[in-house]
C-alpha atoms as a PDB file:
ATOM      1  CA  MET A   1       8.788  50.467   8.915  1.00  0.00           C
ATOM      2  CA  ALA A   2       8.134  54.148   8.575  1.00  0.00           C
ATOM      3  CA  GLU A   3      10.768  56.522   6.893  1.00  0.00           C
ATOM      4  CA  ALA A   4      11.238  60.094   7.905  1.00  0.00           C
ATOM      5  CA  PRO A   5      13.048  62.848   5.570  1.00  0.00           C
ATOM      6  CA  SER A   6      16.395  64.299   6.723  1.00  0.00           C
ATOM      7  CA  ASP A   7      18.694  67.082   5.113  1.00  0.00           C
ATOM      8  CA  GLU A   8      22.433  66.044   4.724  1.00  0.00           C
ATOM      9  CA  GLY A   9      24.755  68.163   2.573  1.00  0.00           C
ATOM     10  CA  GLY A  10      21.851  70.072   0.915  1.00  0.00           C
ATOM     11  CA  LYS A  11      20.348  66.764   0.007  1.00  0.00           C
ATOM     12  CA  ARG A  12      17.125  65.317   1.407  1.00  0.00           C
ATOM     13  CA  ARG A  13      17.697  61.834   2.606  1.00  0.00           C
ATOM     14  CA  ARG A  14      14.747  59.551   3.888  1.00  0.00           C
ATOM     15  CA  ARG A  15      15.768  58.197   7.431  1.00  0.00           C
ATOM     16  CA  THR A  16      14.375  54.731   8.444  1.00  0.00           C
ATOM     17  CA  VAL A  17      12.385  54.951  11.774  1.00  0.00           C
ATOM     18  CA  PRO A  18      11.571  51.502  13.415  1.00  0.00           C
ATOM     19  CA  ALA A  19       7.988  50.744  13.304  1.00  0.00           C
ATOM     20  CA  ALA A  20       6.309  49.860  16.689  1.00  0.00           C
ATOM     21  CA  PRO A  21       6.451  46.093  17.592  1.00  0.00           C
ATOM     22  CA  ALA A  22       3.137  44.289  16.639  1.00  0.00           C
ATOM     23  CA  LYS A  23       0.796  43.326  19.417  1.00  0.00           C
ATOM     24  CA  PRO A  24       0.634  39.500  19.947  1.00  0.00           C
ATOM     25  CA  ALA A  25      -2.675  38.246  18.837  1.00  0.00           C
ATOM     26  CA  SER A  26      -5.000  37.505  21.930  1.00  0.00           C
ATOM     27  CA  ARG A  27      -5.873  33.702  22.341  1.00  0.00           C
ATOM     28  CA  VAL A  28      -9.592  33.147  22.438  1.00  0.00           C
ATOM     29  CA  ARG A  29     -10.609  31.038  25.451  1.00  0.00           C
ATOM     30  CA  MET A  30     -13.064  28.353  24.984  1.00  0.00           C
ATOM     31  CA  SER A  31     -16.157  27.966  27.163  1.00  0.00           C
ATOM     32  CA  ALA A  32     -16.447  24.695  28.867  1.00  0.00           C
ATOM     33  CA  ALA A  33     -19.207  23.470  26.453  1.00  0.00           C
ATOM     34  CA  GLN A  34     -17.010  24.342  23.493  1.00  0.00           C
ATOM     35  CA  ARG A  35     -13.867  22.618  25.147  1.00  0.00           C
ATOM     36  CA  ARG A  36     -15.998  19.559  25.636  1.00  0.00           C
ATOM     37  CA  GLU A  37     -17.142  19.420  22.097  1.00  0.00           C
ATOM     38  CA  GLN A  38     -13.716  19.726  20.863  1.00  0.00           C
ATOM     39  CA  LEU A  39     -12.450  16.799  22.875  1.00  0.00           C
ATOM     40  CA  ILE A  40     -15.204  14.631  21.866  1.00  0.00           C
ATOM     41  CA  SER A  41     -14.558  15.527  18.358  1.00  0.00           C
ATOM     42  CA  ILE A  42     -10.783  14.784  18.577  1.00  0.00           C
ATOM     43  CA  GLY A  43     -11.488  11.710  20.725  1.00  0.00           C
ATOM     44  CA  ARG A  44     -13.882  10.452  17.999  1.00  0.00           C
ATOM     45  CA  GLN A  45     -11.073  10.869  15.303  1.00  0.00           C
ATOM     46  CA  ILE A  46      -8.394   9.196  17.401  1.00  0.00           C
ATOM     47  CA  PHE A  47     -10.712   6.181  18.304  1.00  0.00           C
ATOM     48  CA  ALA A  48     -11.595   5.724  14.649  1.00  0.00           C
ATOM     49  CA  GLU A  49      -8.025   5.656  13.715  1.00  0.00           C
ATOM     50  CA  ARG A  50      -6.210   3.717  16.390  1.00  0.00           C
ATOM     51  CA  GLY A  51      -9.270   1.921  18.230  1.00  0.00           C
ATOM     52  CA  PHE A  52      -9.804   2.253  22.166  1.00  0.00           C
ATOM     53  CA  ASP A  53      -6.764   0.474  23.322  1.00  0.00           C
ATOM     54  CA  ALA A  54      -4.160   2.257  21.519  1.00  0.00           C
ATOM     55  CA  THR A  55      -5.532   5.648  22.080  1.00  0.00           C
ATOM     56  CA  SER A  56      -4.130   7.711  25.034  1.00  0.00           C
ATOM     57  CA  ILE A  57      -5.419  10.633  26.977  1.00  0.00           C
ATOM     58  CA  GLU A  58      -1.986  12.220  26.308  1.00  0.00           C
ATOM     59  CA  GLU A  59      -2.766  12.348  22.582  1.00  0.00           C
ATOM     60  CA  VAL A  60      -6.258  13.660  22.953  1.00  0.00           C
ATOM     61  CA  ALA A  61      -4.798  16.437  25.148  1.00  0.00           C
ATOM     62  CA  SER A  62      -1.935  17.109  22.686  1.00  0.00           C
ATOM     63  CA  ARG A  63      -4.057  17.576  19.835  1.00  0.00           C
ATOM     64  CA  ALA A  64      -6.387  19.776  21.700  1.00  0.00           C
ATOM     65  CA  LYS A  65      -3.399  21.648  23.077  1.00  0.00           C
ATOM     66  CA  VAL A  66      -4.483  21.449  26.499  1.00  0.00           C
ATOM     67  CA  SER A  67      -3.288  19.527  29.516  1.00  0.00           C
ATOM     68  CA  LYS A  68      -4.196  15.949  30.585  1.00  0.00           C
ATOM     69  CA  PRO A  69      -6.140  17.268  33.753  1.00  0.00           C
ATOM     70  CA  VAL A  70      -8.549  19.212  31.384  1.00  0.00           C
ATOM     71  CA  VAL A  71      -9.486  15.911  29.495  1.00  0.00           C
ATOM     72  CA  TYR A  72     -10.008  14.216  32.905  1.00  0.00           C
ATOM     73  CA  GLU A  73     -11.911  17.018  34.202  1.00  0.00           C
ATOM     74  CA  HIS A  74     -14.511  16.643  31.343  1.00  0.00           C
ATOM     75  CA  PHE A  75     -14.651  12.942  31.109  1.00  0.00           C
ATOM     76  CA  GLY A  76     -12.940  11.311  34.141  1.00  0.00           C
ATOM     77  CA  GLY A  77     -10.712   9.224  31.780  1.00  0.00           C
ATOM     78  CA  LYS A  78     -10.330   7.631  28.383  1.00  0.00           C
ATOM     79  CA  GLU A  79     -13.319   5.243  29.201  1.00  0.00           C
ATOM     80  CA  GLY A  80     -15.551   8.311  29.831  1.00  0.00           C
ATOM     81  CA  LEU A  81     -14.773   9.932  26.489  1.00  0.00           C
ATOM     82  CA  TYR A  82     -15.053   6.603  24.555  1.00  0.00           C
ATOM     83  CA  ALA A  83     -18.474   6.113  26.172  1.00  0.00           C
ATOM     84  CA  VAL A  84     -19.779   9.489  25.280  1.00  0.00           C
ATOM     85  CA  VAL A  85     -18.365   9.184  21.487  1.00  0.00           C
ATOM     86  CA  VAL A  86     -20.009   5.818  21.063  1.00  0.00           C
ATOM     87  CA  ASP A  87     -23.310   6.879  22.661  1.00  0.00           C
ATOM     88  CA  ARG A  88     -23.588   9.986  20.186  1.00  0.00           C
ATOM     89  CA  GLU A  89     -22.725   7.607  17.177  1.00  0.00           C
ATOM     90  CA  VAL A  90     -25.283   5.044  18.232  1.00  0.00           C
ATOM     91  CA  ARG A  91     -28.172   7.644  18.692  1.00  0.00           C
ATOM     92  CA  SER A  92     -26.961   9.057  15.315  1.00  0.00           C
ATOM     93  CA  LEU A  93     -27.228   5.986  13.376  1.00  0.00           C
ATOM     94  CA  LEU A  94     -30.319   4.681  14.972  1.00  0.00           C
ATOM     95  CA  GLU A  95     -31.986   8.191  14.284  1.00  0.00           C
ATOM     96  CA  ARG A  96     -30.723   8.060  10.655  1.00  0.00           C
ATOM     97  CA  ILE A  97     -32.312   4.645   9.921  1.00  0.00           C
ATOM     98  CA  THR A  98     -35.556   5.088  11.887  1.00  0.00           C
ATOM     99  CA  THR A  99     -36.307   8.467  10.231  1.00  0.00           C
ATOM    100  CA  ALA A 100     -35.695   6.811   6.843  1.00  0.00           C
ATOM    101  CA  LEU A 101     -38.203   4.251   7.158  1.00  0.00           C
ATOM    102  CA  THR A 102     -41.135   6.222   5.811  1.00  0.00           C
ATOM    103  CA  ALA A 103     -42.427   3.728   2.954  1.00  0.00           C
ATOM    104  CA  GLY A 104     -45.445   1.568   3.140  1.00  0.00           C
ATOM    105  CA  HIS A 105     -44.122  -1.188   0.967  1.00  0.00           C
ATOM    106  CA  PRO A 106     -41.790  -3.757   2.536  1.00  0.00           C
ATOM    107  CA  ARG A 107     -39.200  -3.570  -0.278  1.00  0.00           C
ATOM    108  CA  GLU A 108     -39.119   0.013  -0.223  1.00  0.00           C
ATOM    109  CA  LEU A 109     -38.544  -0.152   3.512  1.00  0.00           C
ATOM    110  CA  LEU A 110     -35.699  -2.369   3.044  1.00  0.00           C
ATOM    111  CA  GLU A 111     -34.218   0.018   0.449  1.00  0.00           C
ATOM    112  CA  GLN A 112     -34.570   2.746   2.862  1.00  0.00           C
ATOM    113  CA  ALA A 113     -32.924   1.016   5.619  1.00  0.00           C
ATOM    114  CA  ALA A 114     -30.018  -0.205   3.447  1.00  0.00           C
ATOM    115  CA  LEU A 115     -29.443   3.331   1.903  1.00  0.00           C
ATOM    116  CA  ALA A 116     -29.610   4.909   5.266  1.00  0.00           C
ATOM    117  CA  LEU A 117     -26.792   2.675   6.763  1.00  0.00           C
ATOM    118  CA  LEU A 118     -24.676   3.221   3.660  1.00  0.00           C
ATOM    119  CA  GLY A 119     -25.323   6.796   3.837  1.00  0.00           C
ATOM    120  CA  TYR A 120     -24.115   7.106   7.331  1.00  0.00           C
ATOM    121  CA  ILE A 121     -20.925   4.966   6.444  1.00  0.00           C
ATOM    122  CA  GLU A 122     -20.065   7.379   3.498  1.00  0.00           C
ATOM    123  CA  GLU A 123     -20.753  10.631   5.495  1.00  0.00           C
ATOM    124  CA  GLU A 124     -19.756   9.621   8.943  1.00  0.00           C
ATOM    125  CA  THR A 125     -16.793   7.234   8.436  1.00  0.00           C
ATOM    126  CA  SER A 126     -15.059   7.956  11.483  1.00  0.00           C
ATOM    127  CA  GLY A 127     -18.177   7.471  13.589  1.00  0.00           C
ATOM    128  CA  PHE A 128     -18.722   4.154  11.925  1.00  0.00           C
ATOM    129  CA  ARG A 129     -15.227   2.914  12.447  1.00  0.00           C
ATOM    130  CA  VAL A 130     -15.684   3.727  16.183  1.00  0.00           C
ATOM    131  CA  LEU A 131     -18.766   1.760  16.300  1.00  0.00           C
ATOM    132  CA  VAL A 132     -17.482  -1.396  14.442  1.00  0.00           C
ATOM    133  CA  ARG A 133     -14.428  -1.510  16.781  1.00  0.00           C
ATOM    134  CA  GLU A 134     -15.639  -3.727  19.689  1.00  0.00           C
ATOM    135  CA  SER A 135     -14.409  -2.520  23.184  1.00  0.00           C
ATOM    136  CA  PRO A 136     -14.018  -4.538  26.390  1.00  0.00           C
ATOM    137  CA  VAL A 137     -14.853  -1.603  28.415  1.00  0.00           C
ATOM    138  CA  LEU A 138     -18.625  -1.351  27.061  1.00  0.00           C
ATOM    139  CA  SER A 139     -21.489  -3.636  27.656  1.00  0.00           C
ATOM    140  CA  ALA A 140     -23.622  -5.076  24.696  1.00  0.00           C
ATOM    141  CA  THR A 141     -25.643  -1.960  25.058  1.00  0.00           C
ATOM    142  CA  GLY A 142     -23.090   0.323  23.680  1.00  0.00           C
ATOM    143  CA  ASN A 143     -21.748  -0.834  20.303  1.00  0.00           C
ATOM    144  CA  PHE A 144     -22.488  -1.553  16.557  1.00  0.00           C
ATOM    145  CA  SER A 145     -24.247  -4.894  17.449  1.00  0.00           C
ATOM    146  CA  SER A 146     -26.669  -3.182  19.886  1.00  0.00           C
ATOM    147  CA  VAL A 147     -27.588  -0.788  17.050  1.00  0.00           C
ATOM    148  CA  MET A 148     -28.202  -3.346  14.601  1.00  0.00           C
ATOM    149  CA  ASN A 149     -30.138  -5.283  17.170  1.00  0.00           C
ATOM    150  CA  ASP A 150     -32.381  -2.182  17.620  1.00  0.00           C
ATOM    151  CA  VAL A 151     -32.808  -1.810  13.927  1.00  0.00           C
ATOM    152  CA  ALA A 152     -33.554  -5.487  13.677  1.00  0.00           C
ATOM    153  CA  HIS A 153     -36.457  -5.203  15.964  1.00  0.00           C
ATOM    154  CA  GLN A 154     -38.191  -2.460  14.093  1.00  0.00           C
ATOM    155  CA  VAL A 155     -37.836  -4.619  11.035  1.00  0.00           C
ATOM    156  CA  GLU A 156     -39.263  -7.511  12.869  1.00  0.00           C
ATOM    157  CA  HIS A 157     -42.451  -5.733  13.470  1.00  0.00           C
ATOM    158  CA  ILE A 158     -42.707  -4.775   9.586  1.00  0.00           C
ATOM    159  CA  LEU A 159     -41.902  -8.313   8.683  1.00  0.00           C
ATOM    160  CA  GLY A 160     -44.219  -9.795  11.227  1.00  0.00           C
ATOM    161  CA  ALA A 161     -47.254  -7.888   9.824  1.00  0.00           C
ATOM    162  CA  GLU A 162     -46.192  -8.886   6.247  1.00  0.00           C
ATOM    163  CA  PHE A 163     -45.807 -12.644   7.325  1.00  0.00           C
ATOM    164  CA  SER A 164     -49.635 -12.502   8.900  1.00  0.00           C
ATOM    165  CA  SER A 165     -50.970 -10.915   5.814  1.00  0.00           C
ATOM    166  CA  ARG A 166     -49.406 -13.802   3.699  1.00  0.00           C
ATOM    167  CA  GLY A 167     -50.361 -16.656   5.820  1.00  0.00           C
ATOM    168  CA  TYR A 168     -46.709 -17.146   7.125  1.00  0.00           C
ATOM    169  CA  ASP A 169     -45.754 -17.845  10.847  1.00  0.00           C
ATOM    170  CA  PRO A 170     -45.310 -14.427  12.380  1.00  0.00           C
ATOM    171  CA  LYS A 171     -43.014 -15.769  15.063  1.00  0.00           C
ATOM    172  CA  LEU A 172     -40.257 -16.324  12.186  1.00  0.00           C
ATOM    173  CA  ALA A 173     -40.185 -12.647  11.677  1.00  0.00           C
ATOM    174  CA  GLU A 174     -37.400 -12.190  14.362  1.00  0.00           C
ATOM    175  CA  LEU A 175     -35.195 -14.655  12.469  1.00  0.00           C
ATOM    176  CA  TYR A 176     -35.659 -13.272   9.163  1.00  0.00           C
ATOM    177  CA  ALA A 177     -35.153  -9.686  10.546  1.00  0.00           C
ATOM    178  CA  GLN A 178     -31.864 -10.622  12.076  1.00  0.00           C
ATOM    179  CA  ALA A 179     -30.656 -12.205   8.898  1.00  0.00           C
ATOM    180  CA  LEU A 180     -31.776  -9.315   6.783  1.00  0.00           C
ATOM    181  CA  VAL A 181     -30.226  -6.663   8.946  1.00  0.00           C
ATOM    182  CA  GLY A 182     -27.022  -8.642   9.562  1.00  0.00           C
ATOM    183  CA  MET A 183     -26.501  -9.038   5.629  1.00  0.00           C
ATOM    184  CA  VAL A 184     -26.781  -5.298   5.183  1.00  0.00           C
ATOM    185  CA  ALA A 185     -24.459  -4.698   8.161  1.00  0.00           C
ATOM    186  CA  LEU A 186     -21.850  -7.071   7.340  1.00  0.00           C
ATOM    187  CA  THR A 187     -21.836  -5.777   3.675  1.00  0.00           C
ATOM    188  CA  GLY A 188     -21.547  -1.980   5.141  1.00  0.00           C
ATOM    189  CA  ARG A 189     -18.304  -2.978   7.005  1.00  0.00           C
ATOM    190  CA  TRP A 190     -16.897  -4.535   3.840  1.00  0.00           C
ATOM    191  CA  TRP A 191     -18.072  -1.329   1.743  1.00  0.00           C
ATOM    192  CA  LEU A 192     -16.530   0.816   4.472  1.00  0.00           C
ATOM    193  CA  GLU A 193     -13.137  -0.248   3.111  1.00  0.00           C
ATOM    194  CA  VAL A 194     -13.730  -0.629  -0.760  1.00  0.00           C
ATOM    195  CA  ARG A 195     -16.139   2.070  -1.303  1.00  0.00           C
ATOM    196  CA  LYS A 196     -17.368   0.844  -4.738  1.00  0.00           C
ATOM    197  CA  PRO A 197     -19.709   0.283  -6.543  1.00  0.00           C
ATOM    198  CA  ARG A 198     -21.648   3.468  -5.266  1.00  0.00           C
ATOM    199  CA  LYS A 199     -24.098   3.144  -2.353  1.00  0.00           C
ATOM    200  CA  GLU A 200     -27.268   3.114  -4.583  1.00  0.00           C
ATOM    201  CA  THR A 201     -25.796   0.037  -6.435  1.00  0.00           C
ATOM    202  CA  VAL A 202     -24.904  -1.867  -3.176  1.00  0.00           C
ATOM    203  CA  ALA A 203     -28.360  -1.210  -1.775  1.00  0.00           C
ATOM    204  CA  ALA A 204     -30.024  -2.371  -4.941  1.00  0.00           C
ATOM    205  CA  HIS A 205     -27.960  -5.755  -4.989  1.00  0.00           C
ATOM    206  CA  LEU A 206     -28.731  -6.030  -1.325  1.00  0.00           C
ATOM    207  CA  VAL A 207     -32.453  -5.705  -1.720  1.00  0.00           C
ATOM    208  CA  ASN A 208     -32.295  -7.934  -4.843  1.00  0.00           C
ATOM    209  CA  LEU A 209     -30.700 -10.896  -2.816  1.00  0.00           C
ATOM    210  CA  SER A 210     -33.074 -10.276   0.117  1.00  0.00           C
ATOM    211  CA  TRP A 211     -36.180  -9.679  -1.829  1.00  0.00           C
ATOM    212  CA  ASN A 212     -35.904 -11.766  -4.791  1.00  0.00           C
ATOM    213  CA  GLY A 213     -33.650 -14.677  -3.504  1.00  0.00           C
ATOM    214  CA  LEU A 214     -30.945 -16.481  -5.230  1.00  0.00           C
ATOM    215  CA  SER A 215     -33.474 -18.414  -7.541  1.00  0.00           C
ATOM    216  CA  HIS A 216     -34.919 -15.116  -8.782  1.00  0.00           C
ATOM    217  CA  LEU A 217     -32.293 -12.567  -8.928  1.00  0.00           C
ATOM    218  CA  GLU A 218     -32.506  -9.691 -11.313  1.00  0.00           C
ATOM    219  CA  ALA A 219     -29.769  -9.393 -13.841  1.00  0.00           C
ATOM    220  CA  LYS A 220     -29.536  -5.407 -13.325  1.00  0.00           C
ATOM    221  CA  PRO A 221     -31.506  -4.359 -10.086  1.00  0.00           C
ATOM    222  CA  GLY A 222     -32.375  -1.001  -9.243  1.00  0.00           C
ATOM    223  CA  LEU A 223     -34.096   0.678  -6.377  1.00  0.00           C
ATOM    224  CA  ILE A 224     -37.832   1.779  -6.383  1.00  0.00           C
ATOM    225  CA  THR A 225     -37.260   4.728  -4.292  1.00  0.00           C
ATOM    226  CA  VAL A 226     -34.374   6.149  -6.803  1.00  0.00           C
ATOM    227  CA  ARG A 227     -36.722   5.454  -9.749  1.00  0.00           C
ATOM    228  CA  GLY A 228     -39.595   7.449  -8.263  1.00  0.00           C
ATOM    229  CA  GLN A 229     -37.429  10.565  -7.614  1.00  0.00           C
END
């Protein structure tokens, strides 16, 4: 508020002059693409918190500060939003795991797969929670089980070559691949809640069990990939 000088009785007194009202801040409008990304992000968080059934379009719209028709316009409904969220997480997790498989030795490949999955759980917790919640609106091609099946198929090729070189029946590679990936996946779901020990230790013990077997467990297992860094 500004003040102006005035004379009264020979004395100068400062007169208060009301300041001009502040202009309201202009609201920045999102583009259609930006709004879509915002809704996907909000939907991902709510689906992770509540699951599909307990999530409502009303809550998604409320958090995004938009009307319900805006959400319907982008996704057609809750099922459409959920399908987009799950599809993104499926592709993200699968890409992370397949990119990690770079080693030549089977044990190192197993370590890399375990670390990639645990790393995803640690860094993308909401996404993982969405994936492990089964939903009746999706087929078997759009959930956590389908991702693990894709990973198992890749592990199967690795094991098949290893079995053949050692004189084992390569037809058993699929069975062992499913067992190994299932063990890592279920342990990951458990670790999602407890978060200890640290992921490198969890991966080391998973590899210890799968590589050495119960009869040859190492007392203090470590990761080859970590030792070499």
